[in-house]
N, C-alpha and C. Protein backbone atom coordinates (compact mmCIF):
# COMPACT_ATOMS: atom_id res chain seq x y z
N MET A 1 -10.39 -14.94 -9.40
CA MET A 1 -10.10 -13.86 -10.45
C MET A 1 -9.69 -13.17 -9.46
N PRO A 2 -8.38 -12.28 -9.52
CA PRO A 2 -7.89 -11.51 -8.51
C PRO A 2 -8.65 -10.14 -8.70
N LEU A 3 -8.72 -9.43 -7.56
CA LEU A 3 -9.43 -8.23 -7.01
C LEU A 3 -8.35 -7.35 -7.27
N ILE A 4 -8.32 -6.22 -7.50
CA ILE A 4 -7.54 -5.14 -7.62
C ILE A 4 -8.21 -3.81 -7.07
N TYR A 5 -7.50 -2.88 -6.30
CA TYR A 5 -7.86 -1.86 -5.61
C TYR A 5 -7.60 -0.71 -5.85
N ARG A 6 -8.33 0.19 -6.06
CA ARG A 6 -7.40 1.99 -6.34
C ARG A 6 -8.14 2.88 -5.38
N LEU A 7 -7.51 3.79 -5.03
CA LEU A 7 -8.48 4.92 -4.40
C LEU A 7 -7.97 6.36 -5.74
N LEU A 8 -9.12 6.87 -5.84
CA LEU A 8 -9.09 8.11 -6.73
C LEU A 8 -9.33 8.94 -5.95
N THR A 9 -8.62 9.82 -6.04
CA THR A 9 -8.66 11.57 -5.42
C THR A 9 -8.46 12.71 -6.38
N GLU A 10 -8.75 13.98 -5.91
CA GLU A 10 -8.80 15.05 -6.73
C GLU A 10 -9.46 16.04 -6.00
N ASP A 11 -9.41 17.32 -6.30
CA ASP A 11 -10.17 18.24 -5.90
C ASP A 11 -11.59 18.53 -5.81
N ASP A 12 -12.62 18.67 -5.26
CA ASP A 12 -13.72 18.73 -5.28
C ASP A 12 -14.21 19.50 -6.47
N THR A 13 -14.57 18.87 -7.69
CA THR A 13 -14.49 19.57 -8.94
C THR A 13 -14.92 18.26 -10.25
N SER A 14 -15.79 18.86 -10.93
CA SER A 14 -15.85 18.07 -12.08
C SER A 14 -15.15 17.17 -12.18
N GLU A 15 -13.68 17.32 -12.57
CA GLU A 15 -12.78 16.39 -13.07
C GLU A 15 -12.97 15.24 -12.17
N PHE A 16 -13.09 15.48 -10.50
CA PHE A 16 -13.25 14.02 -9.68
C PHE A 16 -14.10 13.35 -10.62
N CYS A 17 -15.72 13.92 -10.85
CA CYS A 17 -16.62 13.08 -11.49
C CYS A 17 -16.12 12.45 -12.83
N HIS A 18 -15.67 13.10 -13.45
CA HIS A 18 -15.12 12.76 -14.69
C HIS A 18 -14.07 11.50 -14.40
N LYS A 19 -13.44 11.45 -13.44
CA LYS A 19 -12.07 10.79 -13.00
C LYS A 19 -12.91 8.94 -12.96
N VAL A 20 -14.08 9.55 -11.73
CA VAL A 20 -14.66 8.19 -11.28
C VAL A 20 -15.36 7.70 -12.35
N SER A 21 -16.10 8.52 -13.25
CA SER A 21 -16.95 8.18 -14.27
C SER A 21 -16.15 7.18 -15.52
N LEU A 22 -14.91 7.57 -15.88
CA LEU A 22 -13.91 6.89 -16.67
C LEU A 22 -13.62 5.51 -16.23
N ALA A 23 -13.58 5.57 -14.49
CA ALA A 23 -13.19 3.98 -14.06
C ALA A 23 -14.35 3.18 -13.92
N LEU A 24 -15.39 4.03 -14.02
CA LEU A 24 -16.77 3.08 -13.81
C LEU A 24 -17.03 2.27 -15.54
N SER A 25 -16.87 2.99 -16.50
CA SER A 25 -17.15 2.97 -17.90
C SER A 25 -15.75 1.72 -17.81
N LYS A 26 -14.80 1.51 -17.26
CA LYS A 26 -13.64 0.70 -17.70
C LYS A 26 -14.11 -0.47 -16.54
N GLY A 27 -15.24 -0.70 -16.18
CA GLY A 27 -15.54 -2.21 -15.40
C GLY A 27 -15.09 -1.79 -13.84
N TRP A 28 -14.47 -0.80 -13.66
CA TRP A 28 -14.13 -0.55 -12.16
C TRP A 28 -15.53 -0.36 -10.95
N VAL A 29 -15.40 -0.79 -10.25
CA VAL A 29 -17.03 -0.75 -9.14
C VAL A 29 -16.65 0.26 -7.92
N LEU A 30 -17.65 0.97 -7.53
CA LEU A 30 -17.72 1.77 -6.18
C LEU A 30 -17.60 0.54 -5.23
N TYR A 31 -16.47 1.25 -4.09
CA TYR A 31 -16.37 0.47 -2.96
C TYR A 31 -16.24 1.52 -2.02
N GLY A 32 -17.50 1.09 -1.11
CA GLY A 32 -17.40 2.36 -0.38
C GLY A 32 -18.16 3.51 -0.41
N ASN A 33 -18.03 4.38 0.68
CA ASN A 33 -18.78 5.63 0.23
C ASN A 33 -17.41 6.45 -0.15
N PRO A 34 -17.84 7.98 -0.49
CA PRO A 34 -16.67 8.78 -1.20
C PRO A 34 -16.07 9.61 0.40
N THR A 35 -15.24 10.02 0.06
CA THR A 35 -14.92 10.70 1.42
C THR A 35 -13.93 12.20 0.73
N TYR A 36 -14.42 13.09 2.18
CA TYR A 36 -14.29 14.77 1.72
C TYR A 36 -13.35 15.00 3.17
N VAL A 37 -12.43 15.97 2.62
CA VAL A 37 -11.66 16.47 3.24
C VAL A 37 -11.09 17.43 2.95
N TYR A 38 -10.69 18.92 3.97
CA TYR A 38 -10.55 19.86 3.39
C TYR A 38 -9.12 20.25 3.39
N ASP A 39 -8.55 20.43 2.46
CA ASP A 39 -7.19 20.42 2.45
C ASP A 39 -6.56 22.14 3.05
N HIS A 40 -6.32 22.41 4.13
CA HIS A 40 -5.67 23.65 4.64
C HIS A 40 -4.75 23.84 3.88
N ALA A 41 -3.57 23.64 3.37
CA ALA A 41 -2.65 24.03 2.74
C ALA A 41 -2.70 24.46 1.53
N ASN A 42 -3.94 23.98 0.71
CA ASN A 42 -4.08 24.71 -0.57
C ASN A 42 -5.57 25.29 -0.56
N GLY A 43 -6.35 25.10 0.38
CA GLY A 43 -7.48 26.13 0.55
C GLY A 43 -8.69 25.14 -0.15
N VAL A 44 -8.99 24.11 -0.20
CA VAL A 44 -9.86 23.55 -1.25
C VAL A 44 -10.16 22.24 -0.49
N MET A 45 -11.37 22.02 -0.82
CA MET A 45 -11.86 20.76 -0.78
C MET A 45 -11.42 19.77 -1.56
N ARG A 46 -10.78 18.74 -0.82
CA ARG A 46 -10.32 17.13 -1.37
C ARG A 46 -11.29 16.24 -1.03
N VAL A 47 -11.59 15.21 -2.50
CA VAL A 47 -12.61 13.97 -2.51
C VAL A 47 -11.79 12.79 -3.09
N GLY A 48 -12.20 11.97 -2.34
CA GLY A 48 -11.87 10.65 -2.59
C GLY A 48 -12.50 9.46 -2.65
N GLN A 49 -12.53 8.45 -3.72
CA GLN A 49 -13.42 7.23 -3.79
C GLN A 49 -12.85 5.71 -4.31
N ALA A 50 -12.72 4.97 -3.78
CA ALA A 50 -12.25 3.74 -3.68
C ALA A 50 -12.85 2.83 -4.75
N VAL A 51 -12.29 2.24 -5.41
CA VAL A 51 -12.70 1.49 -6.51
C VAL A 51 -12.34 0.14 -6.56
N THR A 52 -12.95 -1.01 -7.24
CA THR A 52 -12.24 -2.06 -7.14
C THR A 52 -12.77 -2.96 -8.81
N LYS A 53 -11.83 -4.11 -8.84
CA LYS A 53 -12.02 -4.62 -10.10
C LYS A 53 -11.50 -5.70 -10.76
N ASP A 54 -12.63 -7.00 -10.86
CA ASP A 54 -11.58 -8.47 -10.88
C ASP A 54 -10.62 -8.53 -12.13
N VAL A 55 -9.76 -8.69 -11.98
CA VAL A 55 -8.75 -8.59 -13.87
C VAL A 55 -8.45 -10.55 -13.77
N GLU A 56 -7.95 -10.23 -14.90
CA GLU A 56 -8.01 -11.95 -15.17
C GLU A 56 -6.34 -12.32 -14.86
N ALA A 57 -5.25 -11.15 -15.19
CA ALA A 57 -3.63 -11.44 -15.07
C ALA A 57 -3.70 -11.27 -13.52
N ALA A 58 -2.62 -12.03 -12.75
CA ALA A 58 -2.54 -11.97 -11.49
C ALA A 58 -1.69 -10.69 -11.35
N TYR A 59 -2.07 -10.44 -9.87
CA TYR A 59 -1.66 -9.16 -9.58
C TYR A 59 0.24 -8.81 -9.43
N SER A 60 0.20 -7.70 -9.77
CA SER A 60 1.95 -7.48 -9.77
C SER A 60 1.95 -5.95 -9.30
N ARG A 61 2.82 -6.08 -8.83
CA ARG A 61 3.38 -4.58 -7.78
C ARG A 61 3.23 -3.66 -8.89
N ASP A 62 3.92 -4.34 -10.34
CA ASP A 62 4.33 -3.20 -11.33
C ASP A 62 3.23 -3.12 -12.29
N MET A 63 2.01 -3.46 -12.43
CA MET A 63 1.22 -3.45 -12.87
C MET A 63 0.40 -1.61 -12.74
N LYS A 64 0.28 -1.44 -13.78
CA LYS A 64 -0.64 -0.10 -13.77
C LYS A 64 -2.00 0.06 -13.67
N LEU A 65 -2.29 0.16 -12.53
CA LEU A 65 -3.63 0.17 -12.10
C LEU A 65 -4.64 0.69 -13.13
N GLY A 66 -4.69 1.80 -13.49
CA GLY A 66 -5.59 3.18 -14.08
C GLY A 66 -5.42 2.04 -15.85
N GLN A 67 -4.63 1.39 -15.94
CA GLN A 67 -4.40 0.78 -17.25
C GLN A 67 -5.41 -0.50 -17.42
N GLN A 68 -5.68 -0.97 -16.45
CA GLN A 68 -6.33 -2.29 -16.10
C GLN A 68 -8.06 -2.09 -16.68
């Protein structure tokens, strides 16, 4: 079964938590630790979390990962 990968990013707000929670509710699995970085240009903290998911369909560059 093919494994697909996404990197979720957002400002460090509750919106990021909702984005990750939505992905988890759709069967995505956390991959590694979250990452944090200070965005000097915008003066905010940014956070990212990698997630993976086994899918039945063959991988295609055209697939919409968020809809899997």
